[in-house]
N, C-alpha and C. Protein backbone atom coordinates (compact mmCIF):
# COMPACT_ATOMS: atom_id res chain seq x y z
N MET A 1 111.23 -157.69 -51.18
CA MET A 1 110.71 -156.35 -51.00
C MET A 1 110.05 -155.91 -52.29
N LYS A 2 108.87 -155.36 -52.19
CA LYS A 2 108.16 -154.86 -53.36
C LYS A 2 108.73 -153.51 -53.75
N GLY A 3 108.60 -153.16 -55.02
CA GLY A 3 109.08 -151.88 -55.50
C GLY A 3 108.38 -150.72 -54.82
N GLN A 4 107.09 -150.91 -54.47
CA GLN A 4 106.34 -149.84 -53.83
C GLN A 4 106.74 -149.65 -52.37
N ASP A 5 107.31 -150.67 -51.75
CA ASP A 5 107.74 -150.57 -50.36
C ASP A 5 109.09 -149.86 -50.22
N ASP A 6 109.83 -149.79 -51.31
CA ASP A 6 111.14 -149.15 -51.31
C ASP A 6 110.95 -147.63 -51.29
N PRO A 7 111.51 -146.93 -50.28
CA PRO A 7 111.31 -145.47 -50.21
C PRO A 7 111.88 -144.72 -51.41
N VAL A 8 112.98 -145.22 -51.95
CA VAL A 8 113.57 -144.56 -53.12
C VAL A 8 112.64 -144.68 -54.32
N GLN A 9 112.11 -145.86 -54.52
CA GLN A 9 111.16 -146.06 -55.63
C GLN A 9 109.93 -145.18 -55.44
N GLY A 10 109.46 -145.08 -54.21
CA GLY A 10 108.31 -144.24 -53.91
C GLY A 10 108.58 -142.78 -54.23
N GLN A 11 109.78 -142.29 -53.90
CA GLN A 11 110.15 -140.90 -54.18
C GLN A 11 110.26 -140.67 -55.67
N ILE A 12 110.84 -141.63 -56.38
CA ILE A 12 110.94 -141.52 -57.84
C ILE A 12 109.54 -141.44 -58.45
N HIS A 13 108.65 -142.28 -57.96
CA HIS A 13 107.28 -142.27 -58.46
C HIS A 13 106.63 -140.91 -58.18
N GLN A 14 106.80 -140.36 -56.99
CA GLN A 14 106.22 -139.06 -56.65
C GLN A 14 106.80 -137.95 -57.53
N ASP A 15 108.09 -138.04 -57.81
CA ASP A 15 108.72 -137.04 -58.68
C ASP A 15 108.14 -137.08 -60.08
N LEU A 16 107.87 -138.30 -60.57
CA LEU A 16 107.30 -138.43 -61.91
C LEU A 16 105.85 -137.96 -61.94
N VAL A 17 105.15 -138.15 -60.85
CA VAL A 17 103.76 -137.73 -60.77
C VAL A 17 103.67 -136.22 -60.60
N ASN A 18 104.63 -135.61 -59.93
CA ASN A 18 104.63 -134.17 -59.64
C ASN A 18 105.81 -133.48 -60.31
N PRO A 19 105.79 -133.28 -61.62
CA PRO A 19 106.94 -132.64 -62.29
C PRO A 19 107.11 -131.18 -61.88
N GLU A 20 106.05 -130.56 -61.34
CA GLU A 20 106.17 -129.18 -60.90
C GLU A 20 107.20 -129.06 -59.77
N TYR A 21 107.26 -130.07 -58.92
CA TYR A 21 108.22 -130.07 -57.81
C TYR A 21 109.64 -130.05 -58.36
N ILE A 22 109.90 -130.85 -59.37
CA ILE A 22 111.23 -130.88 -59.98
C ILE A 22 111.54 -129.51 -60.59
N GLU A 23 110.56 -128.90 -61.22
CA GLU A 23 110.76 -127.59 -61.83
C GLU A 23 111.09 -126.53 -60.77
N VAL A 24 110.42 -126.59 -59.64
CA VAL A 24 110.69 -125.64 -58.55
C VAL A 24 112.12 -125.81 -58.04
N ILE A 25 112.52 -127.05 -57.82
CA ILE A 25 113.88 -127.34 -57.34
C ILE A 25 114.91 -126.87 -58.36
N THR A 26 114.68 -127.16 -59.63
CA THR A 26 115.62 -126.79 -60.69
C THR A 26 115.73 -125.27 -60.79
N THR A 27 114.60 -124.59 -60.78
CA THR A 27 114.60 -123.13 -60.89
C THR A 27 115.31 -122.50 -59.69
N THR A 28 115.01 -123.00 -58.51
CA THR A 28 115.64 -122.47 -57.31
C THR A 28 117.15 -122.68 -57.34
N SER A 29 117.57 -123.87 -57.77
CA SER A 29 119.00 -124.16 -57.86
C SER A 29 119.69 -123.24 -58.86
N ARG A 30 119.06 -123.04 -60.00
CA ARG A 30 119.65 -122.16 -61.01
C ARG A 30 119.76 -120.73 -60.50
N LYS A 31 118.72 -120.23 -59.84
CA LYS A 31 118.75 -118.87 -59.31
C LYS A 31 119.84 -118.73 -58.26
N SER A 32 119.96 -119.73 -57.41
CA SER A 32 120.99 -119.70 -56.36
C SER A 32 122.38 -119.68 -56.98
N PHE A 33 122.60 -120.54 -57.97
CA PHE A 33 123.88 -120.60 -58.66
C PHE A 33 124.18 -119.28 -59.35
N TYR A 34 123.18 -118.72 -60.03
CA TYR A 34 123.34 -117.46 -60.73
C TYR A 34 123.73 -116.34 -59.77
N MET A 35 123.04 -116.28 -58.64
CA MET A 35 123.33 -115.23 -57.66
C MET A 35 124.73 -115.39 -57.07
N ALA A 36 125.15 -116.63 -56.81
CA ALA A 36 126.48 -116.86 -56.28
C ALA A 36 127.55 -116.44 -57.29
N CYS A 37 127.33 -116.80 -58.55
CA CYS A 37 128.28 -116.42 -59.60
C CYS A 37 128.32 -114.91 -59.78
N ARG A 38 127.16 -114.31 -59.77
CA ARG A 38 127.09 -112.86 -59.94
C ARG A 38 127.82 -112.15 -58.81
N SER A 39 127.65 -112.63 -57.60
CA SER A 39 128.33 -112.03 -56.45
C SER A 39 129.84 -112.15 -56.58
N ARG A 40 130.30 -113.33 -56.96
CA ARG A 40 131.75 -113.52 -57.12
C ARG A 40 132.30 -112.65 -58.24
N LEU A 41 131.57 -112.56 -59.35
CA LEU A 41 132.04 -111.73 -60.46
C LEU A 41 132.07 -110.25 -60.07
N THR A 42 131.12 -109.81 -59.29
CA THR A 42 131.11 -108.42 -58.83
C THR A 42 132.31 -108.14 -57.95
N THR A 43 132.61 -109.06 -57.05
CA THR A 43 133.77 -108.91 -56.17
C THR A 43 135.06 -108.87 -56.99
N MET A 44 135.18 -109.78 -57.93
CA MET A 44 136.38 -109.81 -58.78
C MET A 44 136.50 -108.54 -59.60
N ASN A 45 135.38 -108.04 -60.10
CA ASN A 45 135.38 -106.82 -60.89
C ASN A 45 135.84 -105.63 -60.04
N ASP A 46 135.37 -105.55 -58.82
CA ASP A 46 135.79 -104.47 -57.92
C ASP A 46 137.30 -104.53 -57.66
N LYS A 47 137.80 -105.72 -57.42
CA LYS A 47 139.25 -105.87 -57.18
C LYS A 47 140.04 -105.50 -58.42
N LEU A 48 139.55 -105.90 -59.59
CA LEU A 48 140.24 -105.57 -60.84
C LEU A 48 140.26 -104.06 -61.07
N LYS A 49 139.15 -103.40 -60.80
CA LYS A 49 139.10 -101.94 -60.95
C LYS A 49 140.11 -101.26 -60.03
N ALA A 50 140.19 -101.74 -58.79
CA ALA A 50 141.14 -101.17 -57.84
C ALA A 50 142.58 -101.34 -58.34
N LEU A 51 142.88 -102.50 -58.88
CA LEU A 51 144.22 -102.73 -59.43
C LEU A 51 144.48 -101.83 -60.64
N GLU A 52 143.48 -101.67 -61.49
CA GLU A 52 143.65 -100.80 -62.66
C GLU A 52 143.91 -99.36 -62.23
N TRP A 53 143.19 -98.88 -61.21
CA TRP A 53 143.42 -97.52 -60.72
C TRP A 53 144.82 -97.38 -60.16
N ARG A 54 145.26 -98.40 -59.44
CA ARG A 54 146.61 -98.37 -58.86
C ARG A 54 147.67 -98.33 -59.97
N ILE A 55 147.47 -99.11 -61.01
CA ILE A 55 148.42 -99.12 -62.13
C ILE A 55 148.44 -97.75 -62.80
N GLU A 56 147.27 -97.15 -63.02
CA GLU A 56 147.22 -95.82 -63.62
C GLU A 56 147.93 -94.79 -62.75
N ASP A 57 147.79 -94.91 -61.44
CA ASP A 57 148.47 -94.01 -60.52
C ASP A 57 149.98 -94.18 -60.61
N ILE A 58 150.43 -95.41 -60.63
CA ILE A 58 151.87 -95.68 -60.75
C ILE A 58 152.40 -95.16 -62.07
N GLU A 59 151.66 -95.39 -63.16
CA GLU A 59 152.08 -94.90 -64.48
C GLU A 59 152.19 -93.37 -64.49
N ALA A 60 151.26 -92.72 -63.81
CA ALA A 60 151.30 -91.25 -63.76
C ALA A 60 152.53 -90.77 -63.00
N HIS A 61 152.85 -91.45 -61.90
CA HIS A 61 154.06 -91.09 -61.15
C HIS A 61 155.31 -91.33 -61.96
N VAL A 62 155.37 -92.43 -62.68
CA VAL A 62 156.55 -92.76 -63.49
C VAL A 62 156.70 -91.75 -64.62
N THR A 63 155.58 -91.38 -65.24
CA THR A 63 155.62 -90.42 -66.34
C THR A 63 156.14 -89.06 -65.86
N LYS A 64 155.75 -88.67 -64.64
CA LYS A 64 156.22 -87.41 -64.08
C LYS A 64 157.63 -87.50 -63.53
N GLY A 65 158.18 -88.71 -63.43
CA GLY A 65 159.52 -88.89 -62.92
C GLY A 65 159.58 -88.89 -61.41
N GLU A 66 158.44 -89.09 -60.77
CA GLU A 66 158.41 -89.10 -59.30
C GLU A 66 158.82 -90.47 -58.77
N THR A 67 159.28 -90.48 -57.54
CA THR A 67 159.60 -91.75 -56.89
C THR A 67 158.41 -92.17 -56.05
N LEU A 68 158.23 -93.45 -55.94
CA LEU A 68 157.14 -93.98 -55.14
C LEU A 68 157.58 -94.12 -53.71
N THR A 69 156.74 -93.75 -52.80
CA THR A 69 157.06 -93.91 -51.38
C THR A 69 156.00 -94.71 -50.69
């Protein structure tokens, strides 16, 4: 089998000839990863804020000597 007949070799050759394609794929992957991370961090931040508010509420009740129900 010739190297040019191999589909993998042909794709590698096309990638080397068209570096813009690799750049598009890389940029798209990075943006997708960034957006996924940002979404997860936002969700975690919201949960953390809710926990912090709950702790502050509990501390206020304890300071006043109230019982939690």
